[in-house]
Amino acid sequence: MRAAVASELLPPLRALDVLAEPTRRLILQLLAQQPATVTELAHGLKQSQPLVSKHLRVLREAGLVEASVSPADARVRIYELRRDQLAELEAWLADLRATWRHRTRHTPLDPDYYKHPGPGVNYTTRGKPRQRYPPTK
């Protein structure tokens, strides 16, 4: 498949690109629990406040988080998740999962199914041989 064709098939999911960074995923996990300030996030992540602010800026530009002014102090911003970008990402993953399941619906769910020493034999997790198909006579 040519590179130009491949890029045309992919939807523009900025959220997926942004979430490749582990710290940003951790920030989203923390914000999923409750809205937080930069200081609270930095403390929870055990990272510096300027570094967390940079990650929040990237997440804000991607539309994953939004900032609002704190009612107690106008200098403080409270960050929380935005649902629209996450819903778009979830819809893309659901389409991918549906296609994958349809294509692989005959694949066994047992993770050890393909780990076998010879044709037709597979061992269970308890070490007993399991037949993959009826034995030939």
N, C-alpha and C. Protein backbone atom coordinates (compact mmCIF):
# COMPACT_ATOMS: atom_id res chain seq x y z
N MET A 1 0.84 -1.17 0.00
CA MET A 1 0.00 0.00 0.00
C MET A 1 0.89 1.24 0.00
N ARG A 2 0.62 2.15 -0.89
CA ARG A 2 1.41 3.38 -0.97
C ARG A 2 1.19 4.24 0.27
N ALA A 3 2.18 5.06 0.62
CA ALA A 3 2.07 5.92 1.80
C ALA A 3 0.95 6.93 1.65
N ALA A 4 0.76 7.48 0.47
CA ALA A 4 -0.30 8.47 0.26
C ALA A 4 -1.67 7.84 0.46
N VAL A 5 -1.84 6.63 -0.01
CA VAL A 5 -3.11 5.94 0.14
C VAL A 5 -3.35 5.59 1.60
N ALA A 6 -2.31 5.14 2.30
CA ALA A 6 -2.45 4.79 3.70
C ALA A 6 -2.85 6.00 4.53
N SER A 7 -2.28 7.15 4.29
CA SER A 7 -2.63 8.34 5.06
C SER A 7 -4.04 8.81 4.76
N GLU A 8 -4.54 8.53 3.56
CA GLU A 8 -5.90 8.91 3.22
C GLU A 8 -6.92 8.01 3.93
N LEU A 9 -6.54 6.78 4.24
CA LEU A 9 -7.44 5.86 4.92
C LEU A 9 -7.58 6.16 6.40
N LEU A 10 -6.56 6.75 6.99
CA LEU A 10 -6.59 7.02 8.42
C LEU A 10 -7.36 8.30 8.72
N PRO A 11 -8.26 8.25 9.69
CA PRO A 11 -8.94 9.47 10.08
C PRO A 11 -7.98 10.37 10.86
N PRO A 12 -8.18 11.67 10.82
CA PRO A 12 -7.29 12.57 11.56
C PRO A 12 -7.59 12.50 13.06
N LEU A 13 -6.91 11.62 13.76
CA LEU A 13 -7.12 11.45 15.20
C LEU A 13 -5.95 12.05 15.96
N ARG A 14 -6.00 13.33 16.19
CA ARG A 14 -4.93 14.02 16.92
C ARG A 14 -4.81 13.44 18.32
N ALA A 15 -5.92 13.04 18.90
CA ALA A 15 -5.90 12.48 20.26
C ALA A 15 -4.99 11.27 20.34
N LEU A 16 -5.01 10.43 19.33
CA LEU A 16 -4.19 9.22 19.34
C LEU A 16 -2.71 9.58 19.30
N ASP A 17 -2.35 10.57 18.50
CA ASP A 17 -0.96 11.01 18.43
C ASP A 17 -0.50 11.59 19.77
N VAL A 18 -1.35 12.38 20.37
CA VAL A 18 -1.01 13.04 21.63
C VAL A 18 -0.88 12.03 22.76
N LEU A 19 -1.73 11.02 22.77
CA LEU A 19 -1.74 10.06 23.86
C LEU A 19 -0.64 9.00 23.76
N ALA A 20 0.20 9.11 22.75
CA ALA A 20 1.34 8.19 22.66
C ALA A 20 2.34 8.45 23.79
N GLU A 21 2.30 9.63 24.37
CA GLU A 21 3.21 10.00 25.47
C GLU A 21 2.61 9.51 26.79
N PRO A 22 3.31 8.68 27.55
CA PRO A 22 2.77 8.10 28.78
C PRO A 22 2.34 9.13 29.83
N THR A 23 3.07 10.22 29.97
CA THR A 23 2.70 11.23 30.97
C THR A 23 1.34 11.84 30.65
N ARG A 24 1.06 12.03 29.37
CA ARG A 24 -0.24 12.59 28.99
C ARG A 24 -1.37 11.61 29.28
N ARG A 25 -1.10 10.33 29.10
CA ARG A 25 -2.11 9.33 29.46
C ARG A 25 -2.36 9.34 30.96
N LEU A 26 -1.31 9.50 31.74
CA LEU A 26 -1.46 9.58 33.19
C LEU A 26 -2.28 10.81 33.60
N ILE A 27 -2.03 11.92 32.93
CA ILE A 27 -2.79 13.14 33.21
C ILE A 27 -4.27 12.89 32.93
N LEU A 28 -4.58 12.24 31.82
CA LEU A 28 -5.98 11.94 31.52
C LEU A 28 -6.59 11.02 32.56
N GLN A 29 -5.82 10.06 33.05
CA GLN A 29 -6.33 9.17 34.09
C GLN A 29 -6.66 9.95 35.36
N LEU A 30 -5.78 10.88 35.73
CA LEU A 30 -6.03 11.68 36.91
C LEU A 30 -7.24 12.59 36.73
N LEU A 31 -7.37 13.18 35.54
CA LEU A 31 -8.49 14.07 35.29
C LEU A 31 -9.81 13.31 35.12
N ALA A 32 -9.74 12.03 34.79
CA ALA A 32 -10.95 11.22 34.71
C ALA A 32 -11.56 11.03 36.09
N GLN A 33 -10.72 11.05 37.12
CA GLN A 33 -11.21 10.90 38.49
C GLN A 33 -11.88 12.18 38.98
N GLN A 34 -11.22 13.33 38.69
CA GLN A 34 -11.77 14.62 39.11
C GLN A 34 -10.97 15.75 38.46
N PRO A 35 -11.59 16.91 38.25
CA PRO A 35 -10.84 18.06 37.73
C PRO A 35 -9.73 18.45 38.70
N ALA A 36 -8.65 19.03 38.17
CA ALA A 36 -7.50 19.36 39.01
C ALA A 36 -6.76 20.57 38.46
N THR A 37 -5.98 21.18 39.32
CA THR A 37 -5.11 22.29 38.91
C THR A 37 -3.76 21.72 38.46
N VAL A 38 -2.95 22.57 37.87
CA VAL A 38 -1.61 22.14 37.44
C VAL A 38 -0.81 21.69 38.65
N THR A 39 -0.91 22.40 39.73
CA THR A 39 -0.16 22.06 40.94
C THR A 39 -0.56 20.70 41.47
N GLU A 40 -1.86 20.43 41.50
CA GLU A 40 -2.33 19.13 41.97
C GLU A 40 -1.86 18.00 41.06
N LEU A 41 -1.91 18.23 39.74
CA LEU A 41 -1.43 17.22 38.79
C LEU A 41 0.07 16.98 38.94
N ALA A 42 0.84 18.07 39.08
CA ALA A 42 2.29 17.95 39.24
C ALA A 42 2.63 17.15 40.49
N HIS A 43 1.88 17.41 41.57
CA HIS A 43 2.11 16.67 42.81
C HIS A 43 1.76 15.19 42.63
N GLY A 44 0.64 14.91 41.96
CA GLY A 44 0.22 13.53 41.73
C GLY A 44 1.16 12.76 40.82
N LEU A 45 1.75 13.46 39.85
CA LEU A 45 2.67 12.82 38.91
C LEU A 45 4.12 12.83 39.39
N LYS A 46 4.38 13.60 40.45
CA LYS A 46 5.75 13.78 40.98
C LYS A 46 6.67 14.33 39.89
N GLN A 47 6.14 15.34 39.17
CA GLN A 47 6.91 16.03 38.13
C GLN A 47 6.82 17.52 38.37
N SER A 48 7.68 18.27 37.69
CA SER A 48 7.69 19.72 37.88
C SER A 48 6.45 20.35 37.26
N GLN A 49 6.04 21.47 37.83
CA GLN A 49 4.86 22.18 37.35
C GLN A 49 5.03 22.68 35.92
N PRO A 50 6.22 23.22 35.53
CA PRO A 50 6.37 23.64 34.12
C PRO A 50 6.25 22.48 33.13
N LEU A 51 6.76 21.30 33.49
CA LEU A 51 6.65 20.15 32.60
C LEU A 51 5.19 19.72 32.44
N VAL A 52 4.47 19.68 33.54
CA VAL A 52 3.05 19.31 33.48
C VAL A 52 2.27 20.35 32.68
N SER A 53 2.63 21.62 32.84
CA SER A 53 1.96 22.68 32.07
C SER A 53 2.17 22.49 30.57
N LYS A 54 3.35 22.08 30.17
CA LYS A 54 3.61 21.82 28.74
C LYS A 54 2.72 20.68 28.23
N HIS A 55 2.62 19.62 29.02
CA HIS A 55 1.77 18.49 28.62
C HIS A 55 0.31 18.93 28.55
N LEU A 56 -0.12 19.74 29.49
CA LEU A 56 -1.51 20.22 29.48
C LEU A 56 -1.78 21.11 28.27
N ARG A 57 -0.80 21.89 27.87
CA ARG A 57 -0.96 22.73 26.68
C ARG A 57 -1.19 21.86 25.45
N VAL A 58 -0.41 20.78 25.31
CA VAL A 58 -0.56 19.87 24.17
C VAL A 58 -1.93 19.20 24.22
N LEU A 59 -2.34 18.77 25.40
CA LEU A 59 -3.65 18.13 25.55
C LEU A 59 -4.78 19.12 25.25
N ARG A 60 -4.60 20.37 25.66
CA ARG A 60 -5.61 21.40 25.39
C ARG A 60 -5.71 21.70 23.90
N GLU A 61 -4.56 21.80 23.23
CA GLU A 61 -4.55 22.06 21.78
C GLU A 61 -5.18 20.91 21.00
N ALA A 62 -5.06 19.69 21.52
CA ALA A 62 -5.66 18.53 20.86
C ALA A 62 -7.15 18.41 21.19
N GLY A 63 -7.64 19.23 22.09
CA GLY A 63 -9.05 19.20 22.45
C GLY A 63 -9.42 18.14 23.46
N LEU A 64 -8.45 17.60 24.17
CA LEU A 64 -8.73 16.55 25.14
C LEU A 64 -9.05 17.08 26.53
N VAL A 65 -8.53 18.25 26.86
CA VAL A 65 -8.81 18.88 28.15
C VAL A 65 -9.20 20.33 27.92
N GLU A 66 -9.86 20.89 28.91
CA GLU A 66 -10.19 22.31 28.87
C GLU A 66 -9.89 22.91 30.23
N ALA A 67 -9.60 24.20 30.22
CA ALA A 67 -9.27 24.91 31.45
C ALA A 67 -10.35 25.94 31.74
N SER A 68 -10.69 26.04 33.00
CA SER A 68 -11.63 27.08 33.43
C SER A 68 -11.03 27.80 34.62
N VAL A 69 -11.48 29.04 34.83
CA VAL A 69 -10.95 29.85 35.93
C VAL A 69 -11.55 29.36 37.24
N SER A 70 -10.71 29.25 38.24
CA SER A 70 -11.16 28.83 39.56
C SER A 70 -12.02 29.93 40.18
N PRO A 71 -13.15 29.57 40.77
CA PRO A 71 -13.98 30.60 41.42
C PRO A 71 -13.30 31.22 42.64
N ALA A 72 -12.38 30.49 43.26
CA ALA A 72 -11.71 30.98 44.46
C ALA A 72 -10.56 31.94 44.13
N ASP A 73 -9.87 31.70 43.01
CA ASP A 73 -8.70 32.50 42.66
C ASP A 73 -8.63 32.61 41.14
N ALA A 74 -8.72 33.80 40.60
CA ALA A 74 -8.74 34.00 39.15
C ALA A 74 -7.42 33.65 38.48
N ARG A 75 -6.35 33.52 39.27
CA ARG A 75 -5.05 33.16 38.68
C ARG A 75 -4.90 31.66 38.46
N VAL A 76 -5.77 30.88 39.06
CA VAL A 76 -5.67 29.42 39.01
C VAL A 76 -6.64 28.88 37.96
N ARG A 77 -6.13 27.93 37.17
CA ARG A 77 -6.96 27.25 36.16
C ARG A 77 -7.23 25.82 36.62
N ILE A 78 -8.47 25.42 36.42
CA ILE A 78 -8.87 24.04 36.75
C ILE A 78 -9.05 23.30 35.43
N TYR A 79 -8.37 22.17 35.31
CA TYR A 79 -8.40 21.38 34.07
C TYR A 79 -9.35 20.20 34.24
N GLU A 80 -10.09 19.92 33.18
CA GLU A 80 -10.96 18.74 33.16
C GLU A 80 -11.04 18.18 31.75
N LEU A 81 -11.50 16.93 31.65
CA LEU A 81 -11.58 16.25 30.36
C LEU A 81 -12.67 16.82 29.48
N ARG A 82 -12.44 16.77 28.19
CA ARG A 82 -13.48 17.07 27.20
C ARG A 82 -13.87 15.75 26.56
N ARG A 83 -15.14 15.55 26.37
CA ARG A 83 -15.62 14.25 25.89
C ARG A 83 -15.58 14.09 24.38
N ASP A 84 -15.70 15.15 23.61
CA ASP A 84 -15.89 15.00 22.17
C ASP A 84 -14.71 14.31 21.49
N GLN A 85 -13.48 14.68 21.82
CA GLN A 85 -12.32 14.03 21.20
C GLN A 85 -12.18 12.59 21.66
N LEU A 86 -12.47 12.34 22.91
CA LEU A 86 -12.41 10.96 23.42
C LEU A 86 -13.49 10.10 22.80
N ALA A 87 -14.66 10.68 22.56
CA ALA A 87 -15.75 9.94 21.92
C ALA A 87 -15.37 9.59 20.48
N GLU A 88 -14.71 10.52 19.79
CA GLU A 88 -14.25 10.26 18.42
C GLU A 88 -13.23 9.13 18.39
N LEU A 89 -12.31 9.16 19.35
CA LEU A 89 -11.30 8.10 19.45
C LEU A 89 -11.95 6.77 19.79
N GLU A 90 -12.91 6.79 20.69
CA GLU A 90 -13.61 5.56 21.07
C GLU A 90 -14.41 4.98 19.89
N ALA A 91 -15.02 5.84 19.09
CA ALA A 91 -15.77 5.38 17.92
C ALA A 91 -14.84 4.73 16.91
N TRP A 92 -13.66 5.32 16.70
CA TRP A 92 -12.69 4.74 15.77
C TRP A 92 -12.23 3.37 16.26
N LEU A 93 -11.97 3.26 17.56
CA LEU A 93 -11.55 1.98 18.13
C LEU A 93 -12.67 0.94 18.04
N ALA A 94 -13.92 1.36 18.22
CA ALA A 94 -15.05 0.44 18.11
C ALA A 94 -15.17 -0.10 16.69
N ASP A 95 -14.98 0.77 15.69
CA ASP A 95 -15.01 0.31 14.30
C ASP A 95 -13.88 -0.68 14.02
N LEU A 96 -12.71 -0.37 14.53
CA LEU A 96 -11.56 -1.24 14.35
C LEU A 96 -11.80 -2.59 15.03
N ARG A 97 -12.35 -2.55 16.24
CA ARG A 97 -12.63 -3.78 16.98
C ARG A 97 -13.69 -4.63 16.27
N ALA A 98 -14.74 -3.99 15.74
CA ALA A 98 -15.79 -4.73 15.05
C ALA A 98 -15.24 -5.41 13.80
N THR A 99 -14.41 -4.70 13.04
CA THR A 99 -13.80 -5.28 11.85
C THR A 99 -12.87 -6.42 12.22
N TRP A 100 -12.09 -6.22 13.24
CA TRP A 100 -11.13 -7.24 13.67
C TRP A 100 -11.86 -8.48 14.17
N ARG A 101 -12.90 -8.29 14.97
CA ARG A 101 -13.65 -9.44 15.48
C ARG A 101 -14.33 -10.22 14.36
N HIS A 102 -14.88 -9.49 13.40
CA HIS A 102 -15.53 -10.16 12.28
C HIS A 102 -14.52 -10.98 11.47
N ARG A 103 -13.35 -10.41 11.26
CA ARG A 103 -12.33 -11.08 10.47
C ARG A 103 -11.73 -12.25 11.22
N THR A 104 -11.68 -12.18 12.53
CA THR A 104 -11.01 -13.23 13.32
C THR A 104 -11.99 -14.01 14.19
N ARG A 105 -13.25 -14.06 13.79
CA ARG A 105 -14.26 -14.70 14.64
C ARG A 105 -14.01 -16.19 14.83
N HIS A 106 -13.24 -16.82 13.97
CA HIS A 106 -12.95 -18.24 14.10
C HIS A 106 -11.66 -18.51 14.85
N THR A 107 -10.98 -17.46 15.27
CA THR A 107 -9.75 -17.61 16.02
C THR A 107 -10.08 -18.01 17.46
N PRO A 108 -9.47 -19.04 17.99
CA PRO A 108 -9.76 -19.47 19.35
C PRO A 108 -9.39 -18.40 20.37
N LEU A 109 -10.12 -18.35 21.46
CA LEU A 109 -9.84 -17.38 22.51
C LEU A 109 -8.72 -17.83 23.43
N ASP A 110 -8.36 -19.09 23.39
CA ASP A 110 -7.31 -19.63 24.24
C ASP A 110 -5.96 -19.08 23.78
N PRO A 111 -5.24 -18.33 24.63
CA PRO A 111 -3.95 -17.77 24.20
C PRO A 111 -2.89 -18.83 23.94
N ASP A 112 -3.05 -20.04 24.49
CA ASP A 112 -2.07 -21.11 24.29
C ASP A 112 -2.39 -21.99 23.09
N TYR A 113 -3.40 -21.66 22.34
CA TYR A 113 -3.87 -22.52 21.25
C TYR A 113 -2.78 -22.82 20.23
N TYR A 114 -1.99 -21.83 19.90
CA TYR A 114 -0.98 -22.02 18.85
C TYR A 114 0.37 -22.45 19.39
N LYS A 115 0.50 -22.62 20.68
CA LYS A 115 1.76 -23.07 21.26
C LYS A 115 1.73 -24.60 21.35
N HIS A 116 2.19 -25.24 20.33
CA HIS A 116 2.17 -26.70 20.34
C HIS A 116 3.48 -27.23 19.77
N PRO A 117 3.94 -28.38 20.30
CA PRO A 117 5.20 -28.95 19.86
C PRO A 117 5.11 -29.67 18.52
N GLY A 118 3.96 -30.13 18.16
CA GLY A 118 3.83 -30.89 16.92
C GLY A 118 2.46 -30.68 16.32
N PRO A 119 2.22 -31.30 15.17
CA PRO A 119 0.93 -31.11 14.52
C PRO A 119 -0.19 -31.76 15.33
N GLY A 120 -1.24 -31.01 15.58
CA GLY A 120 -2.42 -31.55 16.23
C GLY A 120 -2.43 -31.55 17.73
N VAL A 121 -1.28 -31.33 18.38
CA VAL A 121 -1.24 -31.42 19.83
C VAL A 121 -1.00 -30.03 20.42
N ASN A 122 -1.73 -29.73 21.45
CA ASN A 122 -1.56 -28.49 22.19
C ASN A 122 -1.69 -28.83 23.66
N TYR A 123 -0.88 -28.23 24.51
CA TYR A 123 -0.93 -28.51 25.93
C TYR A 123 -1.72 -27.44 26.66
N THR A 124 -2.56 -27.86 27.58
CA THR A 124 -3.32 -26.92 28.39
C THR A 124 -2.39 -26.28 29.41
N THR A 125 -2.91 -25.32 30.16
CA THR A 125 -2.09 -24.67 31.18
C THR A 125 -1.72 -25.63 32.30
N ARG A 126 -2.42 -26.76 32.40
CA ARG A 126 -2.09 -27.76 33.42
C ARG A 126 -1.17 -28.85 32.89
N GLY A 127 -0.72 -28.72 31.65
CA GLY A 127 0.24 -29.65 31.09
C GLY A 127 -0.35 -30.85 30.40
N LYS A 128 -1.66 -30.95 30.31
CA LYS A 128 -2.28 -32.09 29.65
C LYS A 128 -2.39 -31.81 28.16
N PRO A 129 -2.17 -32.82 27.32
CA PRO A 129 -2.30 -32.61 25.88
C PRO A 129 -3.75 -32.33 25.49
N ARG A 130 -3.93 -31.41 24.57
CA ARG A 130 -5.24 -31.09 24.06
C ARG A 130 -5.23 -31.29 22.56
N GLN A 131 -6.27 -31.90 22.05
CA GLN A 131 -6.38 -32.12 20.61
C GLN A 131 -6.98 -30.88 19.95
N ARG A 132 -6.34 -30.41 18.89
CA ARG A 132 -6.85 -29.25 18.15
C ARG A 132 -7.95 -29.66 17.20
N TYR A 133 -7.86 -30.86 16.69
CA TYR A 133 -8.85 -31.36 15.74
C TYR A 133 -8.91 -32.86 15.91
N PRO A 134 -9.93 -33.49 15.37
CA PRO A 134 -10.02 -34.94 15.55
C PRO A 134 -8.74 -35.64 15.05
N PRO A 135 -8.24 -36.57 15.83
CA PRO A 135 -7.02 -37.28 15.40
C PRO A 135 -7.28 -38.13 14.16
N THR A 136 -6.26 -38.21 13.34
CA THR A 136 -6.36 -39.05 12.15
C THR A 136 -6.07 -40.49 12.54
N LYS A 137 -6.72 -41.43 11.85
CA LYS A 137 -6.56 -42.86 12.19
C LYS A 137 -5.56 -43.53 11.31
